[in-house]
Amino acid sequence: MTRQEIVTNGVVADAIVLSIQETDLYVNDLPQMKVQMQIKPSKGRNFVTEIQQVIPKTIFGPLHTGSKILVKYDPGHPKEIVLFKSK
């Protein structure tokens, strides 16, 4: 699935940020972040994944270890994650 398809058709799940750090890459003056998180789907087992993504603070606020967020993922490829919103 493409990112837009995941946003439209992905499965919503709770997630907890396990670690977050900047990658030293900037896109439109926004830092790309490497985020490791534990995904807690409503069905099936929890799993850990890591993404690298530009995360606007205006949408997600200051993310930190322990932050609770909602994500959407492709059930066929559960490591394909899109950050959805802060909780």
N, C-alpha and C. Protein backbone atom coordinates (compact mmCIF):
# COMPACT_ATOMS: atom_id res chain seq x y z
N MET A 1 0.84 -1.19 0.00
CA MET A 1 0.00 0.00 0.00
C MET A 1 0.88 1.25 0.00
N THR A 2 0.41 2.27 -0.67
CA THR A 2 1.09 3.55 -0.60
C THR A 2 0.73 4.22 0.73
N ARG A 3 1.46 5.28 1.05
CA ARG A 3 1.18 6.02 2.28
C ARG A 3 -0.28 6.50 2.31
N GLN A 4 -0.78 7.03 1.19
CA GLN A 4 -2.16 7.51 1.14
C GLN A 4 -3.15 6.36 1.31
N GLU A 5 -2.86 5.21 0.73
CA GLU A 5 -3.75 4.05 0.90
C GLU A 5 -3.79 3.59 2.35
N ILE A 6 -2.64 3.67 3.04
CA ILE A 6 -2.62 3.31 4.45
C ILE A 6 -3.46 4.30 5.24
N VAL A 7 -3.33 5.59 4.94
CA VAL A 7 -4.12 6.61 5.63
C VAL A 7 -5.61 6.35 5.41
N THR A 8 -5.99 5.98 4.20
CA THR A 8 -7.40 5.77 3.86
C THR A 8 -7.93 4.42 4.34
N ASN A 9 -7.14 3.35 4.14
CA ASN A 9 -7.64 1.99 4.37
C ASN A 9 -6.92 1.21 5.46
N GLY A 10 -5.92 1.82 6.10
CA GLY A 10 -5.13 1.11 7.08
C GLY A 10 -5.89 0.79 8.36
N VAL A 11 -5.32 -0.11 9.14
CA VAL A 11 -5.87 -0.51 10.43
C VAL A 11 -5.36 0.46 11.49
N VAL A 12 -6.26 0.98 12.31
CA VAL A 12 -5.89 1.90 13.39
C VAL A 12 -5.44 1.08 14.60
N ALA A 13 -4.35 1.53 15.24
CA ALA A 13 -3.86 0.85 16.44
C ALA A 13 -3.23 1.87 17.38
N ASP A 14 -3.22 1.54 18.66
CA ASP A 14 -2.49 2.33 19.65
C ASP A 14 -1.01 2.00 19.52
N ALA A 15 -0.17 2.97 19.86
CA ALA A 15 1.27 2.75 19.85
C ALA A 15 1.90 3.54 20.98
N ILE A 16 3.03 3.05 21.46
CA ILE A 16 3.81 3.74 22.48
C ILE A 16 5.21 3.96 21.90
N VAL A 17 5.69 5.19 21.98
CA VAL A 17 7.02 5.51 21.49
C VAL A 17 8.06 4.92 22.45
N LEU A 18 8.94 4.08 21.90
CA LEU A 18 10.00 3.48 22.71
C LEU A 18 11.28 4.31 22.65
N SER A 19 11.55 4.90 21.49
CA SER A 19 12.69 5.81 21.36
C SER A 19 12.45 6.72 20.17
N ILE A 20 13.07 7.90 20.23
CA ILE A 20 12.94 8.86 19.13
C ILE A 20 14.23 9.66 19.04
N GLN A 21 14.70 9.84 17.81
CA GLN A 21 15.91 10.65 17.62
C GLN A 21 15.90 11.26 16.22
N GLU A 22 16.60 12.40 16.09
CA GLU A 22 16.73 13.04 14.78
C GLU A 22 17.73 12.28 13.93
N THR A 23 17.50 12.29 12.61
CA THR A 23 18.40 11.60 11.68
C THR A 23 19.40 12.54 11.04
N ASP A 24 19.35 13.83 11.34
CA ASP A 24 20.19 14.88 10.74
C ASP A 24 19.79 15.20 9.30
N LEU A 25 18.65 14.70 8.86
CA LEU A 25 18.11 15.04 7.55
C LEU A 25 16.93 15.97 7.76
N TYR A 26 16.86 17.04 6.96
CA TYR A 26 15.76 17.99 7.07
C TYR A 26 15.01 18.05 5.75
N VAL A 27 13.69 18.13 5.83
CA VAL A 27 12.83 18.27 4.66
C VAL A 27 11.97 19.51 4.92
N ASN A 28 12.11 20.53 4.07
CA ASN A 28 11.38 21.79 4.25
C ASN A 28 11.58 22.35 5.66
N ASP A 29 12.82 22.32 6.13
CA ASP A 29 13.22 22.83 7.45
C ASP A 29 12.62 22.05 8.62
N LEU A 30 12.08 20.87 8.37
CA LEU A 30 11.57 20.01 9.44
C LEU A 30 12.48 18.80 9.56
N PRO A 31 12.83 18.41 10.78
CA PRO A 31 13.74 17.27 10.94
C PRO A 31 13.05 15.94 10.68
N GLN A 32 13.78 15.05 10.03
CA GLN A 32 13.30 13.67 9.90
C GLN A 32 13.66 12.97 11.21
N MET A 33 12.73 12.19 11.73
CA MET A 33 12.94 11.51 13.00
C MET A 33 12.93 10.00 12.78
N LYS A 34 13.73 9.32 13.58
CA LYS A 34 13.68 7.85 13.62
C LYS A 34 12.93 7.50 14.89
N VAL A 35 11.80 6.81 14.72
CA VAL A 35 10.92 6.51 15.85
C VAL A 35 10.75 4.99 15.96
N GLN A 36 11.11 4.46 17.11
CA GLN A 36 10.84 3.05 17.40
C GLN A 36 9.62 3.01 18.30
N MET A 37 8.66 2.15 17.95
CA MET A 37 7.43 2.11 18.73
C MET A 37 6.88 0.70 18.85
N GLN A 38 6.13 0.50 19.91
CA GLN A 38 5.41 -0.75 20.10
C GLN A 38 3.98 -0.52 19.65
N ILE A 39 3.55 -1.33 18.69
CA ILE A 39 2.20 -1.24 18.15
C ILE A 39 1.32 -2.24 18.90
N LYS A 40 0.15 -1.77 19.31
CA LYS A 40 -0.79 -2.61 20.07
C LYS A 40 -2.11 -2.71 19.31
N PRO A 41 -2.17 -3.60 18.31
CA PRO A 41 -3.42 -3.74 17.54
C PRO A 41 -4.54 -4.31 18.41
N SER A 42 -5.78 -4.02 18.05
CA SER A 42 -6.91 -4.54 18.82
C SER A 42 -7.06 -6.06 18.63
N LYS A 43 -6.57 -6.57 17.50
CA LYS A 43 -6.56 -8.01 17.25
C LYS A 43 -5.13 -8.43 16.92
N GLY A 44 -4.71 -9.56 17.44
CA GLY A 44 -3.37 -10.04 17.15
C GLY A 44 -2.37 -9.58 18.19
N ARG A 45 -1.13 -9.92 17.94
CA ARG A 45 -0.05 -9.65 18.89
C ARG A 45 0.52 -8.24 18.72
N ASN A 46 1.03 -7.72 19.83
CA ASN A 46 1.79 -6.48 19.79
C ASN A 46 3.06 -6.73 18.98
N PHE A 47 3.59 -5.68 18.36
CA PHE A 47 4.86 -5.80 17.66
C PHE A 47 5.60 -4.48 17.72
N VAL A 48 6.91 -4.56 17.53
CA VAL A 48 7.77 -3.38 17.56
C VAL A 48 8.23 -3.09 16.14
N THR A 49 8.23 -1.82 15.78
CA THR A 49 8.70 -1.40 14.46
C THR A 49 9.40 -0.06 14.59
N GLU A 50 10.11 0.30 13.53
CA GLU A 50 10.84 1.56 13.50
C GLU A 50 10.58 2.25 12.17
N ILE A 51 10.32 3.53 12.21
CA ILE A 51 10.10 4.30 10.99
C ILE A 51 11.01 5.52 10.99
N GLN A 52 11.26 6.04 9.80
CA GLN A 52 11.93 7.34 9.66
C GLN A 52 10.95 8.22 8.91
N GLN A 53 10.60 9.32 9.53
CA GLN A 53 9.55 10.16 8.96
C GLN A 53 9.70 11.59 9.47
N VAL A 54 9.33 12.55 8.64
CA VAL A 54 9.24 13.94 9.08
C VAL A 54 7.96 14.05 9.90
N ILE A 55 8.10 14.56 11.11
CA ILE A 55 6.96 14.61 12.03
C ILE A 55 6.73 16.06 12.45
N PRO A 56 5.73 16.72 11.85
CA PRO A 56 5.46 18.12 12.22
C PRO A 56 5.00 18.23 13.68
N LYS A 57 5.68 19.07 14.45
CA LYS A 57 5.30 19.24 15.87
C LYS A 57 3.92 19.86 16.01
N THR A 58 3.47 20.58 14.98
CA THR A 58 2.14 21.18 15.06
C THR A 58 1.05 20.11 15.07
N ILE A 59 1.34 18.94 14.53
CA ILE A 59 0.37 17.85 14.51
C ILE A 59 0.54 16.92 15.71
N PHE A 60 1.80 16.60 16.02
CA PHE A 60 2.05 15.59 17.04
C PHE A 60 2.57 16.15 18.35
N GLY A 61 2.83 17.45 18.42
CA GLY A 61 3.40 18.00 19.64
C GLY A 61 4.78 17.42 19.87
N PRO A 62 5.32 17.63 21.04
CA PRO A 62 6.65 17.11 21.30
C PRO A 62 6.60 15.61 21.65
N LEU A 63 6.91 14.77 20.69
CA LEU A 63 6.94 13.33 20.95
C LEU A 63 8.17 13.00 21.79
N HIS A 64 8.02 12.04 22.68
CA HIS A 64 9.14 11.61 23.51
C HIS A 64 8.91 10.15 23.89
N THR A 65 9.92 9.53 24.46
CA THR A 65 9.78 8.16 24.93
C THR A 65 8.59 8.08 25.88
N GLY A 66 7.71 7.15 25.61
CA GLY A 66 6.51 6.98 26.42
C GLY A 66 5.27 7.65 25.86
N SER A 67 5.43 8.50 24.83
CA SER A 67 4.26 9.14 24.21
C SER A 67 3.32 8.09 23.66
N LYS A 68 2.03 8.32 23.83
CA LYS A 68 1.01 7.44 23.27
C LYS A 68 0.43 8.10 22.03
N ILE A 69 0.40 7.36 20.94
CA ILE A 69 -0.10 7.89 19.67
C ILE A 69 -0.99 6.86 19.00
N LEU A 70 -1.73 7.31 18.01
CA LEU A 70 -2.47 6.40 17.14
C LEU A 70 -1.71 6.28 15.83
N VAL A 71 -1.68 5.08 15.30
CA VAL A 71 -1.05 4.85 14.01
C VAL A 71 -2.03 4.11 13.11
N LYS A 72 -1.73 4.10 11.83
CA LYS A 72 -2.43 3.24 10.89
C LYS A 72 -1.36 2.40 10.22
N TYR A 73 -1.70 1.13 9.95
CA TYR A 73 -0.74 0.25 9.31
C TYR A 73 -1.42 -0.64 8.29
N ASP A 74 -0.61 -1.16 7.39
CA ASP A 74 -1.07 -2.08 6.35
C ASP A 74 -1.10 -3.48 6.97
N PRO A 75 -2.28 -4.10 7.11
CA PRO A 75 -2.35 -5.42 7.75
C PRO A 75 -1.58 -6.49 6.97
N GLY A 76 -1.39 -6.30 5.67
CA GLY A 76 -0.60 -7.23 4.87
C GLY A 76 0.89 -7.07 5.08
N HIS A 77 1.30 -5.89 5.49
CA HIS A 77 2.70 -5.55 5.77
C HIS A 77 2.72 -4.67 7.01
N PRO A 78 2.57 -5.27 8.21
CA PRO A 78 2.37 -4.47 9.42
C PRO A 78 3.53 -3.55 9.79
N LYS A 79 4.67 -3.69 9.15
CA LYS A 79 5.78 -2.78 9.46
C LYS A 79 5.64 -1.47 8.68
N GLU A 80 4.66 -1.38 7.77
CA GLU A 80 4.40 -0.13 7.03
C GLU A 80 3.41 0.69 7.86
N ILE A 81 3.94 1.70 8.50
CA ILE A 81 3.20 2.47 9.51
C ILE A 81 3.09 3.93 9.08
N VAL A 82 1.95 4.53 9.36
CA VAL A 82 1.77 5.97 9.22
C VAL A 82 1.33 6.51 10.57
N LEU A 83 2.06 7.51 11.08
CA LEU A 83 1.63 8.14 12.32
C LEU A 83 0.34 8.88 12.05
N PHE A 84 -0.64 8.67 12.89
CA PHE A 84 -1.98 9.19 12.63
C PHE A 84 -2.27 10.43 13.48
N LYS A 85 -2.15 10.32 14.81
CA LYS A 85 -2.35 11.48 15.68
C LYS A 85 -1.93 11.15 17.10
N SER A 86 -1.70 12.20 17.88
CA SER A 86 -1.36 12.05 19.30
C SER A 86 -2.61 11.66 20.08
N LYS A 87 -2.40 11.00 21.18
CA LYS A 87 -3.52 10.65 22.05
C LYS A 87 -3.61 11.60 23.21
